[in-house]
Protein backbone atom coordinates (compact mmCIF):
# COMPACT_ATOMS: atom_id res chain seq x y z
CA MET A 1 -9.66 -53.56 22.99
CA CYS A 2 -10.36 -50.91 20.38
CA SER A 3 -12.15 -51.71 17.22
CA LEU A 4 -12.24 -49.61 14.09
CA SER A 5 -14.77 -49.04 11.55
CA ASP A 6 -14.44 -50.54 8.04
CA GLU A 7 -14.10 -46.96 6.78
CA THR A 8 -11.21 -46.12 9.17
CA LYS A 9 -9.52 -49.44 8.55
CA GLN A 10 -9.50 -48.83 4.75
CA LYS A 11 -8.25 -45.05 5.12
CA TRP A 12 -5.44 -46.30 7.34
CA ILE A 13 -4.46 -49.13 4.98
CA ASP A 14 -4.58 -46.58 2.07
CA GLU A 15 -2.41 -44.35 4.12
CA HIS A 16 -0.03 -47.28 4.76
CA PHE A 17 -0.66 -46.82 8.57
CA LEU A 18 -2.44 -50.16 9.11
CA PHE A 19 -1.27 -53.55 7.96
CA GLU A 20 -3.18 -56.15 6.10
CA GLN A 21 -3.76 -59.81 6.72
CA SER A 22 -3.21 -60.93 3.15
CA ASP A 23 0.15 -62.84 3.44
CA LYS A 24 -0.64 -66.38 2.64
CA TYR A 25 2.90 -67.47 3.92
CA LEU A 26 2.32 -65.87 7.35
CA GLN A 27 -1.17 -67.39 7.39
CA ALA A 28 0.26 -70.87 6.76
CA ALA A 29 3.00 -70.55 9.30
CA GLY A 30 0.32 -69.82 12.03
CA SER A 31 1.41 -66.18 12.63
CA MET A 32 -1.90 -64.88 12.05
CA ARG A 33 -3.80 -67.29 14.54
CA ASP A 34 -4.53 -64.71 17.12
CA TRP A 35 -5.22 -61.84 14.78
CA PRO A 36 -6.81 -59.23 14.98
CA ALA A 37 -6.66 -59.75 18.66
CA SER A 38 -3.00 -59.62 20.10
CA ARG A 39 -1.85 -56.97 17.83
CA GLY A 40 -2.01 -53.10 17.54
CA ILE A 41 -0.94 -50.03 15.93
CA TYR A 42 0.15 -46.84 17.54
CA PHE A 43 1.23 -43.68 16.09
CA ASN A 44 1.86 -39.89 16.97
CA SER A 45 -0.37 -37.09 16.05
CA ASP A 46 1.74 -36.13 13.14
CA LYS A 47 1.76 -39.71 11.76
CA THR A 48 5.57 -39.51 11.40
CA PHE A 49 6.34 -42.35 13.93
CA LEU A 50 4.42 -45.66 14.12
CA VAL A 51 4.74 -48.81 16.23
CA TRP A 52 3.07 -52.07 14.73
CA LEU A 53 2.77 -54.86 17.25
CA ASN A 54 2.50 -58.40 16.00
CA GLU A 55 2.19 -57.75 12.37
CA GLU A 56 5.07 -59.61 10.60
CA ASP A 57 7.60 -58.84 13.26
CA HIS A 58 6.65 -58.95 16.90
CA LEU A 59 7.50 -55.20 16.91
CA ARG A 60 7.99 -52.95 13.87
CA LEU A 61 9.08 -49.39 14.41
CA ILE A 62 8.53 -47.01 11.62
CA SER A 63 9.85 -43.36 11.27
CA MET A 64 8.71 -41.49 8.12
CA GLU A 65 7.80 -38.13 6.66
CA SER A 66 7.38 -36.43 3.36
CA GLY A 67 10.55 -34.80 2.01
CA ALA A 68 14.07 -35.58 2.02
CA ASP A 69 15.23 -35.21 5.64
CA VAL A 70 16.68 -38.75 5.88
CA GLU A 71 18.72 -37.73 8.93
CA GLY A 72 15.80 -36.31 10.86
CA VAL A 73 13.75 -39.43 10.08
CA PHE A 74 16.62 -41.73 11.34
CA LEU A 75 17.24 -39.50 14.48
CA ARG A 76 13.49 -39.88 15.34
CA LEU A 77 13.75 -43.66 15.11
CA ALA A 78 16.85 -43.76 17.25
CA ARG A 79 15.29 -41.73 19.88
CA ALA A 80 12.35 -44.11 20.01
CA ILE A 81 14.55 -47.34 20.10
CA GLY A 82 16.54 -45.92 22.87
CA ALA A 83 13.41 -45.10 24.84
CA ILE A 84 11.79 -48.53 24.10
CA GLU A 85 14.95 -50.52 24.88
CA LYS A 86 15.23 -48.92 28.39
CA VAL A 87 11.97 -50.65 29.24
CA VAL A 88 11.95 -53.75 27.00
CA PRO A 89 15.53 -55.04 25.73
CA PHE A 90 15.54 -56.26 22.16
CA GLN A 91 16.62 -59.90 21.72
CA HIS A 92 20.16 -59.93 20.11
CA SER A 93 22.59 -62.73 18.81
CA ALA A 94 26.35 -62.00 18.50
CA GLN A 95 26.12 -64.07 15.22
CA LEU A 96 22.86 -62.90 13.63
CA GLY A 97 22.21 -59.51 15.19
CA TYR A 98 18.75 -58.56 16.28
CA LEU A 99 16.36 -61.48 16.09
CA SER A 100 13.02 -61.21 14.61
CA SER A 101 10.01 -63.41 13.42
CA CYS A 102 10.89 -62.27 10.00
CA PRO A 103 14.15 -63.92 8.76
CA SER A 104 14.75 -61.12 6.07
CA ASN A 105 15.14 -58.66 8.91
CA LEU A 106 17.85 -60.48 10.73
CA GLY A 107 20.77 -58.39 11.43
CA THR A 108 20.05 -54.76 12.00
CA GLY A 109 16.41 -55.07 11.19
CA MET A 110 16.86 -51.86 9.22
CA ARG A 111 14.90 -51.17 6.21
CA ALA A 112 15.55 -47.76 4.95
CA SER A 113 13.15 -46.91 2.11
CA VAL A 114 11.96 -44.04 0.07
CA LEU A 115 9.25 -43.61 -2.28
CA VAL A 116 10.50 -42.11 -5.55
CA ARG A 117 9.13 -41.54 -9.03
CA LEU A 118 11.37 -42.64 -11.85
CA GLN A 119 9.43 -42.31 -14.99
CA LYS A 120 12.43 -42.43 -17.36
CA ALA A 121 15.25 -44.24 -15.33
CA SER A 122 12.95 -47.18 -14.48
CA ALA A 123 12.79 -48.16 -18.27
CA HIS A 124 16.62 -47.49 -18.90
CA PRO A 125 18.87 -50.44 -19.27
CA SER A 126 21.23 -49.07 -16.53
CA PHE A 127 18.47 -49.07 -13.83
CA LYS A 128 18.89 -52.63 -12.81
CA GLU A 129 22.65 -52.18 -12.86
CA THR A 130 22.41 -49.23 -10.50
CA VAL A 131 19.98 -51.09 -8.27
CA GLU A 132 22.41 -54.02 -8.08
CA LYS A 133 25.35 -51.78 -7.51
CA TRP A 134 23.98 -50.11 -4.52
CA HIS A 135 22.38 -53.30 -3.21
CA LEU A 136 18.95 -52.10 -3.36
CA GLN A 137 15.49 -53.66 -3.57
CA THR A 138 12.87 -52.19 -5.67
CA ARG A 139 9.04 -52.63 -4.84
CA GLY A 140 5.92 -51.29 -5.81
CA LEU A 141 4.13 -48.27 -4.11
CA TYR A 142 2.76 -50.53 -1.38
CA GLY A 143 5.92 -52.21 -0.35
CA GLU A 144 6.54 -55.91 -0.20
CA ASN A 145 3.04 -56.91 -1.13
CA SER A 146 3.45 -55.04 -4.46
CA SER A 147 5.83 -55.53 -7.20
CA ALA A 148 4.66 -53.39 -10.01
CA ALA A 149 5.07 -49.60 -9.54
CA GLU A 150 2.00 -47.41 -9.96
CA GLY A 151 2.71 -44.22 -11.91
CA CYS A 152 6.45 -45.16 -11.90
CA VAL A 153 6.60 -44.74 -8.15
CA PHE A 154 8.85 -47.01 -6.52
CA ASP A 155 9.59 -48.12 -2.87
CA ILE A 156 13.38 -48.35 -2.92
CA SER A 157 15.24 -49.78 0.20
CA ASN A 158 18.36 -51.36 1.22
CA ARG A 159 18.43 -55.07 0.43
CA ARG A 160 21.28 -55.98 2.87
CA ARG A 161 20.70 -56.20 6.64
CA LEU A 162 22.77 -59.08 7.86
CA GLY A 163 26.22 -57.94 9.04
CA ARG A 164 25.48 -54.33 8.47
CA THR A 165 24.93 -51.43 10.78
CA GLU A 166 21.96 -49.21 10.53
CA VAL A 167 24.11 -46.31 9.14
CA GLU A 168 25.57 -48.54 6.47
CA CYS A 169 21.79 -49.57 5.50
CA ILE A 170 20.83 -45.94 5.34
CA LYS A 171 23.89 -44.95 3.21
CA GLU A 172 23.36 -47.59 0.75
CA MET A 173 19.78 -46.52 0.30
CA TYR A 174 20.64 -42.99 0.19
CA PHE A 175 23.50 -42.99 -2.19
CA GLY A 176 21.67 -45.51 -4.40
CA VAL A 177 18.64 -43.37 -4.62
CA LYS A 178 20.73 -40.35 -5.41
CA ALA A 179 22.29 -42.30 -8.34
CA LEU A 180 18.96 -43.24 -9.61
CA LEU A 181 17.70 -39.73 -9.23
CA GLU A 182 20.76 -38.59 -11.18
CA LEU A 183 19.84 -41.08 -14.04
CA GLU A 184 16.40 -39.98 -14.17
CA LYS A 185 17.59 -36.26 -14.20
CA GLY A 186 19.88 -37.07 -17.12
CA LEU A 187 17.15 -38.53 -19.18
CA LEU A 188 14.58 -35.80 -18.96
């Protein structure tokens, strides 16, 4: 077992690489009873691919990078999923899709998200309409544990996962964010 200094823990939390234990619902459900033991985090040297073990899901795979290379991020994720599935098959239901300890991730389990600054668009009346049209979810800079955007930076992701393919999830996020950026550009 590897232990981290408090300084390293905070640095990784601030960089969004290390998960926190602050969810009262997970605590009430007993999901955190064996934490911090029985969980872990692994990432590549570039910090563009992470594996979280026993955070909210049993296994959470994260592919990310700065910039707009959505296809490259997805291909990195797909390669990793293929490699992992050769060793450890994922639990799948014909009716529900991939199974997870997090009900909101049933289906594909794919949350495709971007961090984007929307200073003008976020205050515009058509912001909410665009978010709804593209079935998006907006969260604060720190994801699901934050609702308010800091500096008008939002974590925007696909809302629908059940009954969708991974490509459909990414397309909804991509075209929805594109529409929001066009709204922002038109207001500047």
